[in-house]
Amino acid sequence: MKKYLLALAIFINFSCFSQKKFEIKKIGFSMNSPKEWYEMKDEETLKNLEEYDLTKEQVTELLKTNTKHLVTYTKYNPKKVAGIIPTIKVRTMVTQSKTIESFKKETELSTKDAMKVLDNFRFIEKPIAVKVSGKDALKFAVQFTMKNNGNEYEIVSNSYYILLDGFYVSLNFIEQVGKEDNSKLFDEIFQSIQFTK
């Protein structure tokens, strides 16, 4: 019986520590991937980051010029499920900000463009400064309405913008209001974020 319990304990420990991760080793970023969600990666950018001996400056330039999502996870197959699908997006964006205070102002100003494009766009949580694995970051949440084929969908997006050198890592957790609640999973993914550089 003791042997079975020991084997079970080892299996449970292995299962806990074998969580699949999304990593960008060149900047020391990693986070857990949501289990059984659909994954779409920007293979070209990630290949350039991992396979070539880029200097820190080259890595920064590559990430500053990337406007695509590095990875997107969807809970359901987007080719088979219509409507709003719970989604996690990770990307990098350029910033001129050097401090969290100026980054906060920049972020608040950038949302003015979103207000012109998205119906009923509003903050449900204004940007606040937080730390993510020792890095300065902003946490905020917005809500807006999307229309498609005569249907209206109320969307909530919880975001974390992690400030680095000349760019930031953006994480967006998106889902339809009232349809289902993935906030616990989103929080677990956020809590798993690590920077080693």
Protein backbone atom coordinates (compact mmCIF):
# COMPACT_ATOMS: atom_id res chain seq x y z
CA MET A 1 0.00 0.00 0.00
CA LYS A 2 2.84 2.38 0.85
CA LYS A 3 4.36 1.75 -2.59
CA TYR A 4 1.09 2.72 -4.28
CA LEU A 5 0.79 5.88 -2.21
CA LEU A 6 4.39 6.83 -3.01
CA ALA A 7 3.82 6.20 -6.72
CA LEU A 8 0.63 8.28 -6.61
CA ALA A 9 2.42 11.14 -4.81
CA ILE A 10 5.22 11.11 -7.42
CA PHE A 11 2.66 11.12 -10.25
CA ILE A 12 0.74 14.02 -8.71
CA ASN A 13 3.96 16.01 -8.20
CA PHE A 14 5.05 15.28 -11.76
CA SER A 15 1.63 16.35 -13.08
CA CYS A 16 1.82 19.60 -11.13
CA PHE A 17 5.31 20.43 -12.35
CA SER A 18 4.77 19.36 -15.97
CA GLN A 19 2.44 22.28 -16.75
CA LYS A 20 3.00 23.39 -20.33
CA LYS A 21 4.49 26.88 -20.53
CA PHE A 22 4.73 29.61 -23.12
CA GLU A 23 8.24 31.10 -23.02
CA ILE A 24 10.26 33.85 -24.63
CA LYS A 25 13.68 32.87 -23.33
CA LYS A 26 15.47 35.88 -24.82
CA ILE A 27 13.60 38.22 -22.44
CA GLY A 28 13.21 35.67 -19.65
CA PHE A 29 9.40 35.64 -19.90
CA SER A 30 7.22 32.63 -19.19
CA MET A 31 3.66 31.83 -18.21
CA ASN A 32 1.52 28.73 -17.95
CA SER A 33 -0.53 27.80 -21.00
CA PRO A 34 -4.22 27.10 -20.43
CA LYS A 35 -4.79 23.34 -20.63
CA GLU A 36 -6.76 22.08 -23.62
CA TRP A 37 -7.19 25.54 -25.16
CA TYR A 38 -6.38 26.15 -28.83
CA GLU A 39 -2.98 27.78 -29.38
CA MET A 40 -1.99 30.03 -32.29
CA LYS A 41 1.60 31.30 -32.30
CA ASP A 42 3.43 33.88 -34.39
CA GLU A 43 5.95 31.22 -35.40
CA GLU A 44 8.14 33.56 -37.45
CA THR A 45 8.79 36.07 -34.65
CA LEU A 46 9.27 33.34 -32.04
CA LYS A 47 11.67 31.46 -34.34
CA ASN A 48 13.71 34.63 -34.90
CA LEU A 49 13.86 35.18 -31.14
CA GLU A 50 14.94 31.67 -30.23
CA GLU A 51 17.07 30.43 -33.13
CA TYR A 52 19.31 33.39 -33.84
CA ASP A 53 22.06 34.91 -31.71
CA LEU A 54 20.53 38.33 -31.36
CA THR A 55 22.00 41.03 -29.17
CA LYS A 56 19.84 42.59 -26.46
CA GLU A 57 19.40 45.63 -28.72
CA GLN A 58 18.29 43.46 -31.66
CA VAL A 59 15.81 41.58 -29.47
CA THR A 60 14.39 44.89 -28.25
CA GLU A 61 14.07 46.21 -31.82
CA LEU A 62 12.36 43.01 -32.98
CA LEU A 63 9.85 43.15 -30.12
CA LYS A 64 9.29 46.89 -30.56
CA THR A 65 8.38 46.44 -34.23
CA ASN A 66 6.14 43.41 -33.65
CA THR A 67 2.49 44.34 -33.85
CA LYS A 68 1.21 40.78 -34.11
CA HIS A 69 0.15 38.65 -31.21
CA LEU A 70 2.98 36.35 -30.15
CA VAL A 71 0.48 33.77 -28.99
CA THR A 72 -3.29 33.59 -28.78
CA TYR A 73 -5.24 30.96 -26.84
CA THR A 74 -8.93 30.34 -27.43
CA LYS A 75 -11.07 28.09 -25.26
CA TYR A 76 -12.90 26.67 -28.28
CA ASN A 77 -11.95 26.02 -31.89
CA PRO A 78 -12.60 29.36 -33.66
CA LYS A 79 -13.25 27.49 -36.93
CA LYS A 80 -16.13 25.56 -35.35
CA VAL A 81 -17.60 27.85 -32.69
CA ALA A 82 -19.37 31.08 -33.62
CA GLY A 83 -19.69 34.12 -31.39
CA ILE A 84 -17.36 35.41 -28.71
CA ILE A 85 -14.86 32.83 -27.48
CA PRO A 86 -12.89 33.28 -24.23
CA THR A 87 -9.42 34.34 -25.40
CA ILE A 88 -5.96 35.04 -23.98
CA LYS A 89 -3.61 37.17 -26.11
CA VAL A 90 0.07 37.91 -25.53
CA ARG A 91 1.90 40.48 -27.62
CA THR A 92 4.58 43.12 -27.42
CA MET A 93 4.10 46.78 -28.25
CA VAL A 94 6.43 49.75 -28.51
CA THR A 95 6.48 52.45 -25.82
CA GLN A 96 8.48 55.59 -25.21
CA SER A 97 7.72 55.49 -21.49
CA LYS A 98 10.55 54.97 -19.04
CA THR A 99 8.53 55.24 -15.82
CA ILE A 100 5.28 53.65 -14.70
CA GLU A 101 3.74 57.10 -14.26
CA SER A 102 4.34 58.14 -17.88
CA PHE A 103 3.32 54.65 -19.04
CA LYS A 104 0.01 55.03 -17.22
CA LYS A 105 -0.66 58.36 -18.96
CA GLU A 106 0.31 56.85 -22.33
CA THR A 107 -2.07 53.92 -21.78
CA GLU A 108 -4.96 56.16 -20.78
CA LEU A 109 -4.40 58.34 -23.87
CA SER A 110 -4.25 55.32 -26.18
CA THR A 111 -7.69 54.21 -25.04
CA LYS A 112 -9.16 57.35 -26.60
CA ASP A 113 -8.61 55.72 -30.01
CA ALA A 114 -10.46 52.62 -28.83
CA MET A 115 -13.37 54.80 -27.73
CA LYS A 116 -13.73 56.01 -31.34
CA VAL A 117 -13.86 52.46 -32.71
CA LEU A 118 -15.67 50.38 -30.08
CA ASP A 119 -19.25 51.03 -28.98
CA ASN A 120 -19.86 51.81 -25.30
CA PHE A 121 -16.14 51.52 -24.54
CA ARG A 122 -15.43 52.29 -20.88
CA PHE A 123 -13.08 51.47 -18.04
CA ILE A 124 -14.52 49.18 -15.41
CA GLU A 125 -11.16 49.31 -13.64
CA LYS A 126 -8.83 52.26 -14.35
CA PRO A 127 -5.12 51.50 -14.87
CA ILE A 128 -3.30 50.96 -11.59
CA ALA A 129 0.40 50.29 -11.04
CA VAL A 130 1.28 46.74 -9.94
CA LYS A 131 4.36 44.53 -9.91
CA VAL A 132 4.55 41.41 -12.07
CA SER A 133 7.48 39.18 -11.19
CA GLY A 134 9.42 42.27 -10.06
CA LYS A 135 8.59 44.34 -13.17
CA ASP A 136 6.52 47.53 -13.25
CA ALA A 137 3.14 46.92 -14.84
CA LEU A 138 -0.35 48.29 -15.27
CA LYS A 139 -3.54 46.40 -14.53
CA PHE A 140 -6.90 47.55 -15.88
CA ALA A 141 -10.20 46.32 -17.30
CA VAL A 142 -12.49 47.66 -20.00
CA GLN A 143 -15.92 46.77 -21.29
CA PHE A 144 -17.42 47.45 -24.71
CA THR A 145 -20.10 46.29 -27.15
CA MET A 146 -19.43 44.41 -30.38
CA LYS A 147 -22.03 43.95 -33.10
CA ASN A 148 -22.16 41.13 -35.63
CA ASN A 149 -25.02 40.10 -37.94
CA GLY A 150 -27.60 42.01 -35.92
CA ASN A 151 -26.39 40.58 -32.60
CA GLU A 152 -24.78 42.61 -29.81
CA TYR A 153 -22.15 41.14 -27.51
CA GLU A 154 -20.96 42.79 -24.31
CA ILE A 155 -17.23 42.11 -23.95
CA VAL A 156 -14.96 42.44 -20.92
CA SER A 157 -11.18 42.63 -21.34
CA ASN A 158 -8.83 42.38 -18.36
CA SER A 159 -5.35 43.57 -19.26
CA TYR A 160 -1.84 43.62 -17.86
CA TYR A 161 0.82 45.75 -19.55
CA ILE A 162 4.30 44.87 -18.30
CA LEU A 163 6.82 47.66 -18.91
CA LEU A 164 10.24 46.66 -20.22
CA ASP A 165 12.98 48.55 -22.09
CA GLY A 166 11.38 50.36 -25.05
CA PHE A 167 8.45 47.94 -25.28
CA TYR A 168 5.90 46.23 -23.10
CA VAL A 169 4.35 42.78 -22.89
CA SER A 170 0.58 42.99 -23.19
CA LEU A 171 -1.66 40.25 -21.80
CA ASN A 172 -5.38 40.46 -22.53
CA PHE A 173 -8.00 38.15 -21.07
CA ILE A 174 -11.23 38.52 -23.07
CA GLU A 175 -14.69 36.99 -22.73
CA GLN A 176 -18.38 37.76 -23.19
CA VAL A 177 -20.13 39.22 -20.15
CA GLY A 178 -22.60 36.81 -18.59
CA LYS A 179 -21.85 33.88 -20.91
CA GLU A 180 -19.30 32.08 -18.74
CA ASP A 181 -16.73 33.03 -16.13
CA ASN A 182 -13.07 32.18 -16.74
CA SER A 183 -11.74 34.75 -14.26
CA LYS A 184 -10.25 32.08 -11.96
CA LEU A 185 -8.26 30.56 -14.83
CA PHE A 186 -7.20 34.02 -16.04
CA ASP A 187 -5.94 34.83 -12.55
CA GLU A 188 -4.03 31.53 -12.35
CA ILE A 189 -2.36 32.27 -15.71
CA PHE A 190 -1.48 35.77 -14.52
CA GLN A 191 -0.05 34.43 -11.24
CA SER A 192 2.19 32.03 -13.22
CA ILE A 193 4.00 34.85 -15.08
CA GLN A 194 7.72 34.96 -14.42
CA PHE A 195 10.61 37.09 -15.59
CA THR A 196 14.11 35.75 -15.05
CA LYS A 197 16.00 38.64 -16.68
